[in-house]
Amino acid sequence: MKILIATDAWLPQVNGVVRTLGHTVEHLRQMGHEVRLITPEQFRTYPCPTYPSIRLALFPKMTIRRMLEEFRPHAIHIATEGPIGHATRALCLSRSLPFTTSYHTRFPEYVRARFPVPLHWSYAYLRRYHGQAVRTMVATESIRRLLHGRGFKNLELWARGVDATLFRPGPKSFLSDARPIAMYVGRVAVEKNIEAFLRLDLPGSKYVVGDGPDLAFLRNRYPHVRFTGAKSEREVAAYMAAADVFVFPSLTDTFGLVLLEAMACGVPVAAYPVPGPLDVVQQGKTGILDQDLRRAVLDAMTLKPDECVAYARRHTWRACTERFVSLLEPV
């Protein structure tokens, strides 16, 4: 099958959307499908407001029209709601081409964290955007229920996997700081609610692995925390494996790919009981969900690493990709 995937999120961005699409494309090609990507790499770009490290495509419609005509895909998937997603959607609608979409990011909550925009305005916009798709893929049942309650239609589950050859138990000696080590891995941005973790009074050491617009500010504000900045995927796996507990303070994620990756490294998770963690964490086995994040962290440290590893390894990218293919709509 010839599959066209349009996405505004792509390398060199480092986030769950890019990694999900990267693994999906890799396995699609292993399965014999021909995949064509439309990404910001193919266009002149401009910086995303409030997040300049993310580049958005400038006037992509003509180039996307040409790519559609040359590639003649058997299925079209629109992964994001940015300029590339909008242009591809408009072309599909003008030509009566069916397409699928996916809901990776809770943009209404992300926007409200930066600007006083009412949630119902943003959700109304996204409901119209995804409403023209044959189906919209969502990562968890909690998000499916949330969107259904907001009036979204044709929602289907498309879960996430973990690369267990990369994310696996490793030497704790990789980090020499005082134990126990509590760690956050991910984008360093306001919507991730990182300060809920940084403010905790915990024994041992705290690590934040990742980059983002708030890195310099938080590094200044919390000098006792180890901020590593951006790391390669292999380095991230080594850091994760060396931690004693993985702390996920986000209240706005649709899945939280790093949760599975931490578990695959044998590291239990501490998080709030919200969409994402509620669907991914096995309470009392692979992690602790609690409104009191400090209590969740301390209790998670008592859990067995082997149970975390066994659970994570049941989530393969191959199975996720097969599900993705089953949800595509033939053109």
C-alpha atoms as a PDB file:
ATOM      1  CA  MET A   1       0.000   0.000   0.000  1.00  0.00           C
ATOM      2  CA  LYS A   2       1.164   3.543  -0.763  1.00  0.00           C
ATOM      3  CA  ILE A   3       0.615   5.585   2.403  1.00  0.00           C
ATOM      4  CA  LEU A   4       0.951   9.362   2.626  1.00  0.00           C
ATOM      5  CA  ILE A   5       1.503  10.808   6.116  1.00  0.00           C
ATOM      6  CA  ALA A   6       1.315  14.584   6.590  1.00  0.00           C
ATOM      7  CA  THR A   7       2.818  15.956   9.807  1.00  0.00           C
ATOM      8  CA  ASP A   8       3.941  19.321  11.167  1.00  0.00           C
ATOM      9  CA  ALA A   9       5.910  17.487  13.886  1.00  0.00           C
ATOM     10  CA  TRP A  10       9.134  15.956  12.634  1.00  0.00           C
ATOM     11  CA  LEU A  11      12.877  15.918  13.147  1.00  0.00           C
ATOM     12  CA  PRO A  12      14.806  17.714  14.550  1.00  0.00           C
ATOM     13  CA  GLN A  13      11.911  18.100  17.023  1.00  0.00           C
ATOM     14  CA  VAL A  14      12.142  15.669  19.933  1.00  0.00           C
ATOM     15  CA  ASN A  15       8.735  14.688  21.304  1.00  0.00           C
ATOM     16  CA  GLY A  16       6.286  11.818  21.541  1.00  0.00           C
ATOM     17  CA  VAL A  17       4.580  12.653  18.240  1.00  0.00           C
ATOM     18  CA  VAL A  18       7.832  12.552  16.262  1.00  0.00           C
ATOM     19  CA  ARG A  19       8.947   9.325  17.905  1.00  0.00           C
ATOM     20  CA  THR A  20       5.553   7.675  17.416  1.00  0.00           C
ATOM     21  CA  LEU A  21       5.537   8.552  13.720  1.00  0.00           C
ATOM     22  CA  GLY A  22       9.181   7.529  13.334  1.00  0.00           C
ATOM     23  CA  HIS A  23       8.566   4.054  14.757  1.00  0.00           C
ATOM     24  CA  THR A  24       5.339   3.712  12.774  1.00  0.00           C
ATOM     25  CA  VAL A  25       7.015   4.612   9.461  1.00  0.00           C
ATOM     26  CA  GLU A  26       9.892   2.228  10.196  1.00  0.00           C
ATOM     27  CA  HIS A  27       7.520  -0.679  10.786  1.00  0.00           C
ATOM     28  CA  LEU A  28       5.267   0.230   7.858  1.00  0.00           C
ATOM     29  CA  ARG A  29       8.270  -0.081   5.561  1.00  0.00           C
ATOM     30  CA  GLN A  30       9.332  -3.355   7.185  1.00  0.00           C
ATOM     31  CA  MET A  31       5.820  -4.632   6.451  1.00  0.00           C
ATOM     32  CA  GLY A  32       6.269  -3.798   2.760  1.00  0.00           C
ATOM     33  CA  HIS A  33       4.294  -0.554   2.537  1.00  0.00           C
ATOM     34  CA  GLU A  34       5.561   2.430   0.561  1.00  0.00           C
ATOM     35  CA  VAL A  35       5.457   5.538   2.763  1.00  0.00           C
ATOM     36  CA  ARG A  36       5.756   9.169   1.701  1.00  0.00           C
ATOM     37  CA  LEU A  37       6.085  11.828   4.404  1.00  0.00           C
ATOM     38  CA  ILE A  38       5.137  15.486   4.154  1.00  0.00           C
ATOM     39  CA  THR A  39       7.112  17.335   6.849  1.00  0.00           C
ATOM     40  CA  PRO A  40       8.463  20.867   7.535  1.00  0.00           C
ATOM     41  CA  GLU A  41      11.839  19.751   6.140  1.00  0.00           C
ATOM     42  CA  GLN A  42      10.405  20.186   2.632  1.00  0.00           C
ATOM     43  CA  PHE A  43       9.377  23.840   3.032  1.00  0.00           C
ATOM     44  CA  ARG A  44      10.536  27.261   4.053  1.00  0.00           C
ATOM     45  CA  THR A  45       9.611  27.589   7.725  1.00  0.00           C
ATOM     46  CA  TYR A  46       8.961  30.138  10.448  1.00  0.00           C
ATOM     47  CA  PRO A  47       9.250  29.753  14.255  1.00  0.00           C
ATOM     48  CA  CYS A  48       6.185  28.653  16.199  1.00  0.00           C
ATOM     49  CA  PRO A  49       4.955  31.473  18.484  1.00  0.00           C
ATOM     50  CA  THR A  50       6.127  30.935  22.116  1.00  0.00           C
ATOM     51  CA  TYR A  51       8.138  27.882  20.964  1.00  0.00           C
ATOM     52  CA  PRO A  52      10.739  29.081  18.422  1.00  0.00           C
ATOM     53  CA  SER A  53      12.623  25.776  18.247  1.00  0.00           C
ATOM     54  CA  ILE A  54       9.582  24.310  16.467  1.00  0.00           C
ATOM     55  CA  ARG A  55       9.519  25.346  12.816  1.00  0.00           C
ATOM     56  CA  LEU A  56       6.242  25.537  10.868  1.00  0.00           C
ATOM     57  CA  ALA A  57       5.862  25.245   7.102  1.00  0.00           C
ATOM     58  CA  LEU A  58       5.267  28.468   5.178  1.00  0.00           C
ATOM     59  CA  PHE A  59       2.644  28.288   2.381  1.00  0.00           C
ATOM     60  CA  PRO A  60       2.887  24.501   1.849  1.00  0.00           C
ATOM     61  CA  LYS A  61      -0.284  23.971  -0.219  1.00  0.00           C
ATOM     62  CA  MET A  62       1.139  24.071  -3.776  1.00  0.00           C
ATOM     63  CA  THR A  63       3.954  21.661  -2.948  1.00  0.00           C
ATOM     64  CA  ILE A  64       1.565  19.272  -1.186  1.00  0.00           C
ATOM     65  CA  ARG A  65      -0.752  19.367  -4.229  1.00  0.00           C
ATOM     66  CA  ARG A  66       2.143  18.324  -6.439  1.00  0.00           C
ATOM     67  CA  MET A  67       3.165  15.557  -4.025  1.00  0.00           C
ATOM     68  CA  LEU A  68      -0.371  14.168  -3.982  1.00  0.00           C
ATOM     69  CA  GLU A  69      -0.482  14.110  -7.774  1.00  0.00           C
ATOM     70  CA  GLU A  70       2.925  12.471  -8.130  1.00  0.00           C
ATOM     71  CA  PHE A  71       2.598   9.877  -5.364  1.00  0.00           C
ATOM     72  CA  ARG A  72      -1.087   8.957  -5.890  1.00  0.00           C
ATOM     73  CA  PRO A  73      -1.437   7.390  -2.406  1.00  0.00           C
ATOM     74  CA  HIS A  74      -3.751   4.528  -1.503  1.00  0.00           C
ATOM     75  CA  ALA A  75      -4.341   6.043   1.941  1.00  0.00           C
ATOM     76  CA  ILE A  76      -3.813   9.494   3.465  1.00  0.00           C
ATOM     77  CA  HIS A  77      -3.193  10.170   7.145  1.00  0.00           C
ATOM     78  CA  ILE A  78      -2.981  13.669   8.638  1.00  0.00           C
ATOM     79  CA  ALA A  79      -1.129  13.511  11.942  1.00  0.00           C
ATOM     80  CA  THR A  80      -1.182  17.124  13.155  1.00  0.00           C
ATOM     81  CA  GLU A  81      -3.241  20.288  13.114  1.00  0.00           C
ATOM     82  CA  GLY A  82      -0.561  22.725  11.866  1.00  0.00           C
ATOM     83  CA  PRO A  83      -0.039  24.363   8.438  1.00  0.00           C
ATOM     84  CA  ILE A  84       0.848  21.077   6.718  1.00  0.00           C
ATOM     85  CA  GLY A  85      -2.132  19.322   8.269  1.00  0.00           C
ATOM     86  CA  HIS A  86      -4.481  22.145   7.264  1.00  0.00           C
ATOM     87  CA  ALA A  87      -3.209  22.293   3.687  1.00  0.00           C
ATOM     88  CA  THR A  88      -3.423  18.515   3.204  1.00  0.00           C
ATOM     89  CA  ARG A  89      -6.916  18.443   4.713  1.00  0.00           C
ATOM     90  CA  ALA A  90      -8.094  21.262   2.425  1.00  0.00           C
ATOM     91  CA  LEU A  91      -6.758  19.492  -0.670  1.00  0.00           C
ATOM     92  CA  CYS A  92      -8.379  16.203   0.339  1.00  0.00           C
ATOM     93  CA  LEU A  93     -11.744  17.918   0.888  1.00  0.00           C
ATOM     94  CA  SER A  94     -11.548  19.773  -2.429  1.00  0.00           C
ATOM     95  CA  ARG A  95     -10.898  16.485  -4.259  1.00  0.00           C
ATOM     96  CA  SER A  96     -13.276  14.320  -2.211  1.00  0.00           C
ATOM     97  CA  LEU A  97     -10.377  12.178  -1.010  1.00  0.00           C
ATOM     98  CA  PRO A  98     -11.038  10.323   2.258  1.00  0.00           C
ATOM     99  CA  PHE A  99      -8.441  10.701   4.991  1.00  0.00           C
ATOM    100  CA  THR A 100      -7.808   9.820   8.624  1.00  0.00           C
ATOM    101  CA  THR A 101      -6.416  12.047  11.368  1.00  0.00           C
ATOM    102  CA  SER A 102      -4.859  11.498  14.779  1.00  0.00           C
ATOM    103  CA  TYR A 103      -5.162  13.453  18.021  1.00  0.00           C
ATOM    104  CA  HIS A 104      -1.702  13.479  19.579  1.00  0.00           C
ATOM    105  CA  THR A 105      -1.686  16.684  21.596  1.00  0.00           C
ATOM    106  CA  ARG A 106      -4.137  18.402  23.931  1.00  0.00           C
ATOM    107  CA  PHE A 107      -3.705  21.771  22.273  1.00  0.00           C
ATOM    108  CA  PRO A 108      -6.608  23.450  24.128  1.00  0.00           C
ATOM    109  CA  GLU A 109      -4.846  22.876  27.437  1.00  0.00           C
ATOM    110  CA  TYR A 110      -1.449  23.820  25.943  1.00  0.00           C
ATOM    111  CA  VAL A 111      -2.849  27.090  24.584  1.00  0.00           C
ATOM    112  CA  ARG A 112      -4.594  27.926  27.855  1.00  0.00           C
ATOM    113  CA  ALA A 113      -1.317  27.405  29.750  1.00  0.00           C
ATOM    114  CA  ARG A 114       0.092  30.326  27.741  1.00  0.00           C
ATOM    115  CA  PHE A 115      -2.907  32.523  26.868  1.00  0.00           C
ATOM    116  CA  PRO A 116      -6.345  33.105  28.486  1.00  0.00           C
ATOM    117  CA  VAL A 117      -8.232  31.294  25.703  1.00  0.00           C
ATOM    118  CA  PRO A 118     -11.398  29.454  26.859  1.00  0.00           C
ATOM    119  CA  LEU A 119     -11.103  25.689  26.434  1.00  0.00           C
ATOM    120  CA  HIS A 120     -14.435  25.415  24.623  1.00  0.00           C
ATOM    121  CA  TRP A 121     -13.209  27.728  21.851  1.00  0.00           C
ATOM    122  CA  SER A 122     -10.177  25.559  21.152  1.00  0.00           C
ATOM    123  CA  TYR A 123     -12.157  22.329  21.356  1.00  0.00           C
ATOM    124  CA  ALA A 124     -14.784  23.712  18.962  1.00  0.00           C
ATOM    125  CA  TYR A 125     -12.043  24.482  16.442  1.00  0.00           C
ATOM    126  CA  LEU A 126     -10.497  20.998  16.784  1.00  0.00           C
ATOM    127  CA  ARG A 127     -13.903  19.332  16.594  1.00  0.00           C
ATOM    128  CA  ARG A 128     -14.485  20.999  13.211  1.00  0.00           C
ATOM    129  CA  TYR A 129     -10.963  20.156  12.065  1.00  0.00           C
ATOM    130  CA  HIS A 130     -11.209  16.425  12.832  1.00  0.00           C
ATOM    131  CA  GLY A 131     -14.907  16.194  11.992  1.00  0.00           C
ATOM    132  CA  GLN A 132     -14.205  15.804   8.264  1.00  0.00           C
ATOM    133  CA  ALA A 133     -11.958  12.766   8.774  1.00  0.00           C
ATOM    134  CA  VAL A 134     -13.316   9.262   8.208  1.00  0.00           C
ATOM    135  CA  ARG A 135     -11.919   8.432  11.637  1.00  0.00           C
ATOM    136  CA  THR A 136      -9.679  10.077  14.214  1.00  0.00           C
ATOM    137  CA  MET A 137      -7.122   7.935  16.020  1.00  0.00           C
ATOM    138  CA  VAL A 138      -6.561   8.532  19.744  1.00  0.00           C
ATOM    139  CA  ALA A 139      -3.969   6.959  22.020  1.00  0.00           C
ATOM    140  CA  THR A 140      -6.047   5.978  25.064  1.00  0.00           C
ATOM    141  CA  GLU A 141      -9.566   5.213  26.193  1.00  0.00           C
ATOM    142  CA  SER A 142      -9.502   8.174  28.598  1.00  0.00           C
ATOM    143  CA  ILE A 143      -8.815  10.582  25.741  1.00  0.00           C
ATOM    144  CA  ARG A 144     -11.476   8.896  23.618  1.00  0.00           C
ATOM    145  CA  ARG A 145     -14.031   9.499  26.380  1.00  0.00           C
ATOM    146  CA  LEU A 146     -12.863  13.084  26.890  1.00  0.00           C
ATOM    147  CA  LEU A 147     -13.180  13.921  23.182  1.00  0.00           C
ATOM    148  CA  HIS A 148     -16.481  12.082  22.851  1.00  0.00           C
ATOM    149  CA  GLY A 149     -17.797  14.248  25.679  1.00  0.00           C
ATOM    150  CA  ARG A 150     -16.676  17.296  23.663  1.00  0.00           C
ATOM    151  CA  GLY A 151     -18.695  16.179  20.652  1.00  0.00           C
ATOM    152  CA  PHE A 152     -15.987  14.471  18.580  1.00  0.00           C
ATOM    153  CA  LYS A 153     -17.134  11.605  16.323  1.00  0.00           C
ATOM    154  CA  ASN A 154     -15.592   8.494  14.733  1.00  0.00           C
ATOM    155  CA  LEU A 155     -12.892   8.024  17.376  1.00  0.00           C
ATOM    156  CA  GLU A 156     -10.730   4.887  17.279  1.00  0.00           C
ATOM    157  CA  LEU A 157      -7.961   3.652  19.579  1.00  0.00           C
ATOM    158  CA  TRP A 158      -4.381   3.557  18.293  1.00  0.00           C
ATOM    159  CA  ALA A 159      -2.054   2.848  21.215  1.00  0.00           C
ATOM    160  CA  ARG A 160       1.728   3.226  21.541  1.00  0.00           C
ATOM    161  CA  GLY A 161       4.635   0.833  21.911  1.00  0.00           C
ATOM    162  CA  VAL A 162       8.165   0.711  23.244  1.00  0.00           C
ATOM    163  CA  ASP A 163      11.491  -0.327  21.732  1.00  0.00           C
ATOM    164  CA  ALA A 164      12.528  -2.913  24.304  1.00  0.00           C
ATOM    165  CA  THR A 165      15.906  -3.429  22.613  1.00  0.00           C
ATOM    166  CA  LEU A 166      16.817   0.164  23.480  1.00  0.00           C
ATOM    167  CA  PHE A 167      14.833   0.798  26.657  1.00  0.00           C
ATOM    168  CA  ARG A 168      15.846  -1.957  29.059  1.00  0.00           C
ATOM    169  CA  PRO A 169      17.338  -2.278  32.548  1.00  0.00           C
ATOM    170  CA  GLY A 170      20.878  -0.911  32.778  1.00  0.00           C
ATOM    171  CA  PRO A 171      23.554  -0.094  35.347  1.00  0.00           C
ATOM    172  CA  LYS A 172      22.537   2.264  38.139  1.00  0.00           C
ATOM    173  CA  SER A 173      26.210   3.252  38.353  1.00  0.00           C
ATOM    174  CA  PHE A 174      25.679   5.385  35.222  1.00  0.00           C
ATOM    175  CA  LEU A 175      24.706   8.135  37.687  1.00  0.00           C
ATOM    176  CA  SER A 176      26.727   8.718  40.843  1.00  0.00           C
ATOM    177  CA  ASP A 177      24.441  11.197  42.643  1.00  0.00           C
ATOM    178  CA  ALA A 178      22.846  10.549  46.017  1.00  0.00           C
ATOM    179  CA  ARG A 179      20.152   7.895  45.973  1.00  0.00           C
ATOM    180  CA  PRO A 180      17.283   7.575  45.432  1.00  0.00           C
ATOM    181  CA  ILE A 181      17.237   9.377  42.066  1.00  0.00           C
ATOM    182  CA  ALA A 182      13.869  10.750  40.922  1.00  0.00           C
ATOM    183  CA  MET A 183      13.793  11.636  37.234  1.00  0.00           C
ATOM    184  CA  TYR A 184      11.643  13.466  34.699  1.00  0.00           C
ATOM    185  CA  VAL A 185      12.322  12.980  30.985  1.00  0.00           C
ATOM    186  CA  GLY A 186      10.619  15.065  28.339  1.00  0.00           C
ATOM    187  CA  ARG A 187       9.989  18.534  27.024  1.00  0.00           C
ATOM    188  CA  VAL A 188      10.846  21.294  29.482  1.00  0.00           C
ATOM    189  CA  ALA A 189       7.775  23.475  28.980  1.00  0.00           C
ATOM    190  CA  VAL A 190       5.006  24.991  31.067  1.00  0.00           C
ATOM    191  CA  GLU A 191       2.325  22.562  29.858  1.00  0.00           C
ATOM    192  CA  LYS A 192       4.280  19.652  31.355  1.00  0.00           C
ATOM    193  CA  ASN A 193       3.713  20.946  34.913  1.00  0.00           C
ATOM    194  CA  ILE A 194       7.352  20.189  35.772  1.00  0.00           C
ATOM    195  CA  GLU A 195       7.451  22.483  38.787  1.00  0.00           C
ATOM    196  CA  ALA A 196       5.037  20.179  40.599  1.00  0.00           C
ATOM    197  CA  PHE A 197       7.961  17.712  40.602  1.00  0.00           C
ATOM    198  CA  LEU A 198      10.731  20.254  41.206  1.00  0.00           C
ATOM    199  CA  ARG A 199       9.014  21.684  44.310  1.00  0.00           C
ATOM    200  CA  LEU A 200       8.722  18.292  46.023  1.00  0.00           C
ATOM    201  CA  ASP A 201      10.711  17.655  49.178  1.00  0.00           C
ATOM    202  CA  LEU A 202      12.277  14.294  48.332  1.00  0.00           C
ATOM    203  CA  PRO A 203      15.262  12.322  49.611  1.00  0.00           C
ATOM    204  CA  GLY A 204      18.221  11.832  47.275  1.00  0.00           C
ATOM    205  CA  SER A 205      18.557  13.626  43.905  1.00  0.00           C
ATOM    206  CA  LYS A 206      16.368  15.011  41.144  1.00  0.00           C
ATOM    207  CA  TYR A 207      17.077  14.905  37.412  1.00  0.00           C
ATOM    208  CA  VAL A 208      15.391  16.607  34.458  1.00  0.00           C
ATOM    209  CA  VAL A 209      16.441  15.164  31.098  1.00  0.00           C
ATOM    210  CA  GLY A 210      15.348  17.127  28.041  1.00  0.00           C
ATOM    211  CA  ASP A 211      15.191  20.533  26.415  1.00  0.00           C
ATOM    212  CA  GLY A 212      12.512  23.153  25.961  1.00  0.00           C
ATOM    213  CA  PRO A 213      11.604  26.826  26.233  1.00  0.00           C
ATOM    214  CA  ASP A 214      11.608  26.820  30.060  1.00  0.00           C
ATOM    215  CA  LEU A 215      14.983  25.122  30.552  1.00  0.00           C
ATOM    216  CA  ALA A 216      17.038  28.227  31.349  1.00  0.00           C
ATOM    217  CA  PHE A 217      14.397  29.646  33.690  1.00  0.00           C
ATOM    218  CA  LEU A 218      13.939  26.415  35.654  1.00  0.00           C
ATOM    219  CA  ARG A 219      17.680  25.715  35.806  1.00  0.00           C
ATOM    220  CA  ASN A 220      18.105  29.126  37.426  1.00  0.00           C
ATOM    221  CA  ARG A 221      15.189  28.686  39.789  1.00  0.00           C
ATOM    222  CA  TYR A 222      16.107  25.176  40.994  1.00  0.00           C
ATOM    223  CA  PRO A 223      19.922  25.052  41.209  1.00  0.00           C
ATOM    224  CA  HIS A 224      19.854  21.846  43.274  1.00  0.00           C
ATOM    225  CA  VAL A 225      18.256  19.902  40.378  1.00  0.00           C
ATOM    226  CA  ARG A 226      20.397  18.289  37.660  1.00  0.00           C
ATOM    227  CA  PHE A 227      19.212  19.577  34.267  1.00  0.00           C
ATOM    228  CA  THR A 228      20.970  17.642  31.505  1.00  0.00           C
ATOM    229  CA  GLY A 229      19.522  19.381  28.447  1.00  0.00           C
ATOM    230  CA  ALA A 230      18.837  17.477  25.236  1.00  0.00           C
ATOM    231  CA  LYS A 231      20.160  13.936  24.939  1.00  0.00           C
ATOM    232  CA  SER A 232      20.137  11.305  22.198  1.00  0.00           C
ATOM    233  CA  GLU A 233      17.632   8.468  22.476  1.00  0.00           C
ATOM    234  CA  ARG A 234      20.383   6.058  23.515  1.00  0.00           C
ATOM    235  CA  GLU A 235      21.568   8.468  26.203  1.00  0.00           C
ATOM    236  CA  VAL A 236      18.003   8.954  27.426  1.00  0.00           C
ATOM    237  CA  ALA A 237      17.649   5.187  27.821  1.00  0.00           C
ATOM    238  CA  ALA A 238      20.832   5.078  29.931  1.00  0.00           C
ATOM    239  CA  TYR A 239      19.622   7.925  32.154  1.00  0.00           C
ATOM    240  CA  MET A 240      16.215   6.299  32.592  1.00  0.00           C
ATOM    241  CA  ALA A 241      17.676   2.927  33.526  1.00  0.00           C
ATOM    242  CA  ALA A 242      19.855   4.588  36.186  1.00  0.00           C
ATOM    243  CA  ALA A 243      16.884   6.252  37.940  1.00  0.00           C
ATOM    244  CA  ASP A 244      15.025   4.800  40.925  1.00  0.00           C
ATOM    245  CA  VAL A 245      11.643   6.350  40.132  1.00  0.00           C
ATOM    246  CA  PHE A 246      10.244   8.112  37.086  1.00  0.00           C
ATOM    247  CA  VAL A 247       8.150  11.182  37.908  1.00  0.00           C
ATOM    248  CA  PHE A 248       5.532  12.296  35.381  1.00  0.00           C
ATOM    249  CA  PRO A 249       3.825  15.480  36.616  1.00  0.00           C
ATOM    250  CA  SER A 250       1.974  16.293  33.378  1.00  0.00           C
ATOM    251  CA  LEU A 251      -1.782  16.814  33.523  1.00  0.00           C
ATOM    252  CA  THR A 252      -2.250  17.248  29.771  1.00  0.00           C
ATOM    253  CA  ASP A 253      -0.666  14.311  27.911  1.00  0.00           C
ATOM    254  CA  THR A 254      -2.670  12.028  25.645  1.00  0.00           C
ATOM    255  CA  PHE A 255      -0.492   8.990  26.422  1.00  0.00           C
ATOM    256  CA  GLY A 256       2.987   9.658  27.800  1.00  0.00           C
ATOM    257  CA  LEU A 257       5.298   7.479  25.731  1.00  0.00           C
ATOM    258  CA  VAL A 258       8.062   7.974  28.298  1.00  0.00           C
ATOM    259  CA  LEU A 259       5.966   6.077  30.845  1.00  0.00           C
ATOM    260  CA  LEU A 260       6.307   2.835  28.883  1.00  0.00           C
ATOM    261  CA  GLU A 261       9.985   3.543  28.234  1.00  0.00           C
ATOM    262  CA  ALA A 262      10.702   4.037  31.928  1.00  0.00           C
ATOM    263  CA  MET A 263       8.881   0.803  32.784  1.00  0.00           C
ATOM    264  CA  ALA A 264      10.834  -1.048  30.086  1.00  0.00           C
ATOM    265  CA  CYS A 265      13.982   0.125  31.918  1.00  0.00           C
ATOM    266  CA  GLY A 266      12.637  -1.390  35.146  1.00  0.00           C
ATOM    267  CA  VAL A 267      11.813   2.006  36.663  1.00  0.00           C
ATOM    268  CA  PRO A 268       8.388   2.444  38.334  1.00  0.00           C
ATOM    269  CA  VAL A 269       6.315   5.555  37.637  1.00  0.00           C
ATOM    270  CA  ALA A 270       4.839   8.207  39.919  1.00  0.00           C
ATOM    271  CA  ALA A 271       2.121  10.375  38.360  1.00  0.00           C
ATOM    272  CA  TYR A 272      -1.222  12.036  38.868  1.00  0.00           C
ATOM    273  CA  PRO A 273      -4.402   9.990  38.186  1.00  0.00           C
ATOM    274  CA  VAL A 274      -5.200  11.734  34.882  1.00  0.00           C
ATOM    275  CA  PRO A 275      -5.663  10.659  31.212  1.00  0.00           C
ATOM    276  CA  GLY A 276      -2.451   9.123  29.951  1.00  0.00           C
ATOM    277  CA  PRO A 277      -1.123   7.654  33.209  1.00  0.00           C
ATOM    278  CA  LEU A 278      -4.563   6.237  34.036  1.00  0.00           C
ATOM    279  CA  ASP A 279      -4.422   4.153  30.848  1.00  0.00           C
ATOM    280  CA  VAL A 280      -0.737   3.236  30.911  1.00  0.00           C
ATOM    281  CA  VAL A 281       0.190   2.630  34.562  1.00  0.00           C
ATOM    282  CA  GLN A 282      -0.870  -0.494  36.453  1.00  0.00           C
ATOM    283  CA  GLN A 283      -1.653   0.923  39.870  1.00  0.00           C
ATOM    284  CA  GLY A 284       0.470  -0.675  42.584  1.00  0.00           C
ATOM    285  CA  LYS A 285       2.422  -2.810  40.079  1.00  0.00           C
ATOM    286  CA  THR A 286       4.186  -0.601  37.553  1.00  0.00           C
ATOM    287  CA  GLY A 287       3.566   2.709  39.272  1.00  0.00           C
ATOM    288  CA  ILE A 288       1.579   4.779  41.728  1.00  0.00           C
ATOM    289  CA  LEU A 289      -1.045   7.355  40.755  1.00  0.00           C
ATOM    290  CA  ASP A 290      -1.947   9.810  43.489  1.00  0.00           C
ATOM    291  CA  GLN A 291      -3.098  13.414  43.762  1.00  0.00           C
ATOM    292  CA  ASP A 292      -0.305  13.727  46.322  1.00  0.00           C
ATOM    293  CA  LEU A 293       2.671  13.441  43.964  1.00  0.00           C
ATOM    294  CA  ARG A 294       5.215  13.173  46.783  1.00  0.00           C
ATOM    295  CA  ARG A 295       3.388  10.186  48.235  1.00  0.00           C
ATOM    296  CA  ALA A 296       3.228   8.645  44.755  1.00  0.00           C
ATOM    297  CA  VAL A 297       7.000   9.022  44.368  1.00  0.00           C
ATOM    298  CA  LEU A 298       7.824   7.464  47.734  1.00  0.00           C
ATOM    299  CA  ASP A 299       5.388   4.580  47.259  1.00  0.00           C
ATOM    300  CA  ALA A 300       6.542   3.889  43.695  1.00  0.00           C
ATOM    301  CA  MET A 301      10.085   3.311  44.940  1.00  0.00           C
ATOM    302  CA  THR A 302       8.888   0.155  46.713  1.00  0.00           C
ATOM    303  CA  LEU A 303       7.577  -1.528  43.527  1.00  0.00           C
ATOM    304  CA  LYS A 304       9.316  -4.398  41.716  1.00  0.00           C
ATOM    305  CA  PRO A 305      11.309  -3.510  38.578  1.00  0.00           C
ATOM    306  CA  ASP A 306      10.598  -6.915  36.986  1.00  0.00           C
ATOM    307  CA  GLU A 307       6.851  -6.257  36.867  1.00  0.00           C
ATOM    308  CA  CYS A 308       7.479  -2.945  35.120  1.00  0.00           C
ATOM    309  CA  VAL A 309       9.671  -4.600  32.478  1.00  0.00           C
ATOM    310  CA  ALA A 310       7.254  -7.468  31.821  1.00  0.00           C
ATOM    311  CA  TYR A 311       4.305  -5.084  31.398  1.00  0.00           C
ATOM    312  CA  ALA A 312       6.127  -2.688  29.059  1.00  0.00           C
ATOM    313  CA  ARG A 313       7.361  -5.460  26.782  1.00  0.00           C
ATOM    314  CA  ARG A 314       3.785  -6.436  25.973  1.00  0.00           C
ATOM    315  CA  HIS A 315       3.436  -3.137  24.075  1.00  0.00           C
ATOM    316  CA  THR A 316       5.213  -3.549  20.734  1.00  0.00           C
ATOM    317  CA  TRP A 317       5.488  -1.034  17.914  1.00  0.00           C
ATOM    318  CA  ARG A 318       4.725  -3.801  15.422  1.00  0.00           C
ATOM    319  CA  ALA A 319       1.293  -4.413  16.944  1.00  0.00           C
ATOM    320  CA  CYS A 320       0.637  -0.658  17.100  1.00  0.00           C
ATOM    321  CA  THR A 321       1.548  -0.290  13.423  1.00  0.00           C
ATOM    322  CA  GLU A 322      -0.731  -3.152  12.398  1.00  0.00           C
ATOM    323  CA  ARG A 323      -3.545  -1.376  14.214  1.00  0.00           C
ATOM    324  CA  PHE A 324      -2.682   1.872  12.421  1.00  0.00           C
ATOM    325  CA  VAL A 325      -2.925   0.165   9.022  1.00  0.00           C
ATOM    326  CA  SER A 326      -6.285  -1.367   9.911  1.00  0.00           C
ATOM    327  CA  LEU A 327      -7.678   2.103  10.624  1.00  0.00           C
ATOM    328  CA  LEU A 328      -6.567   3.734   7.362  1.00  0.00           C
ATOM    329  CA  GLU A 329      -9.218   4.517   4.755  1.00  0.00           C
ATOM    330  CA  PRO A 330      -8.523   3.485   1.129  1.00  0.00           C
ATOM    331  CA  VAL A 331      -8.591   6.376  -1.351  1.00  0.00           C
END
